[in-house]
Amino acid sequence: VHPYARLYAKKEEGKRRKIWNHAFEKSLFNPFELSTLGAPHRRTIYMASLEAHVDRLHAQLL
């Protein structure tokens, strides 16, 4: 088996979507927080903030 056989097989699958995009984190966290908080911790905070925002929007509709 060729050592690069797995790489060639992966290329044929096509592109996959990125799991996480960090672009919007910069609007929520300042540079100090971005440099000191780990990505998994930032994701938890970001998701909680996003869910709270959706809840507020939902409450406005009711």
Protein backbone atom coordinates (compact mmCIF):
# COMPACT_ATOMS: atom_id res chain seq x y z
CA VAL A 1 0.00 0.00 0.00
CA HIS A 2 1.32 3.40 -1.00
CA PRO A 3 1.94 5.68 2.01
CA TYR A 4 -0.08 8.50 0.43
CA ALA A 5 -3.03 6.31 -0.57
CA ARG A 6 -5.19 7.73 2.24
CA LEU A 7 -4.44 11.31 1.15
CA TYR A 8 -5.42 10.57 -2.44
CA ALA A 9 -8.64 8.92 -1.25
CA LYS A 10 -9.48 11.98 0.88
CA LYS A 11 -9.00 14.37 -2.06
CA GLU A 12 -11.58 12.47 -4.09
CA GLU A 13 -14.24 12.93 -1.38
CA GLY A 14 -14.58 16.64 -2.06
CA LYS A 15 -14.42 19.62 0.24
CA ARG A 16 -16.04 19.50 3.65
CA ARG A 17 -17.51 22.43 5.52
CA LYS A 18 -15.51 23.92 8.34
CA ILE A 19 -16.93 23.01 11.70
CA TRP A 20 -16.37 26.39 13.32
CA ASN A 21 -15.89 29.91 12.01
CA HIS A 22 -14.13 32.30 14.39
CA ALA A 23 -15.12 35.50 12.53
CA PHE A 24 -18.00 36.44 14.83
CA GLU A 25 -16.03 35.72 18.00
CA LYS A 26 -14.13 38.95 17.38
CA SER A 27 -17.34 40.92 17.78
CA LEU A 28 -18.06 39.30 21.15
CA PHE A 29 -14.58 39.03 22.72
CA ASN A 30 -11.90 41.68 23.07
CA PRO A 31 -8.29 40.92 22.00
CA PHE A 32 -7.23 40.11 25.57
CA GLU A 33 -10.03 37.57 25.97
CA LEU A 34 -9.25 36.06 22.58
CA SER A 35 -5.62 35.56 23.60
CA THR A 36 -6.29 34.22 27.11
CA LEU A 37 -9.40 32.05 26.72
CA GLY A 38 -9.08 28.73 24.97
CA ALA A 39 -11.23 28.08 21.89
CA PRO A 40 -13.42 25.43 23.57
CA HIS A 41 -14.20 27.82 26.43
CA ARG A 42 -14.90 30.68 24.00
CA ARG A 43 -17.24 28.43 22.01
CA THR A 44 -19.24 27.64 25.16
CA ILE A 45 -19.60 31.34 26.00
CA TYR A 46 -20.35 32.23 22.37
CA MET A 47 -23.07 29.59 22.06
CA ALA A 48 -24.68 30.67 25.36
CA SER A 49 -24.65 34.28 24.18
CA LEU A 50 -26.17 33.31 20.84
CA GLU A 51 -28.90 31.24 22.51
CA ALA A 52 -29.74 34.12 24.87
CA HIS A 53 -29.99 36.48 21.90
CA VAL A 54 -32.35 34.10 20.08
CA ASP A 55 -34.44 33.77 23.25
CA ARG A 56 -34.74 37.57 23.48
CA LEU A 57 -35.80 37.78 19.83
CA HIS A 58 -38.33 35.02 20.38
CA ALA A 59 -39.75 36.82 23.43
CA GLN A 60 -40.23 39.96 21.32
CA LEU A 61 -42.37 38.00 18.88
CA LEU A 62 -44.69 36.66 21.59
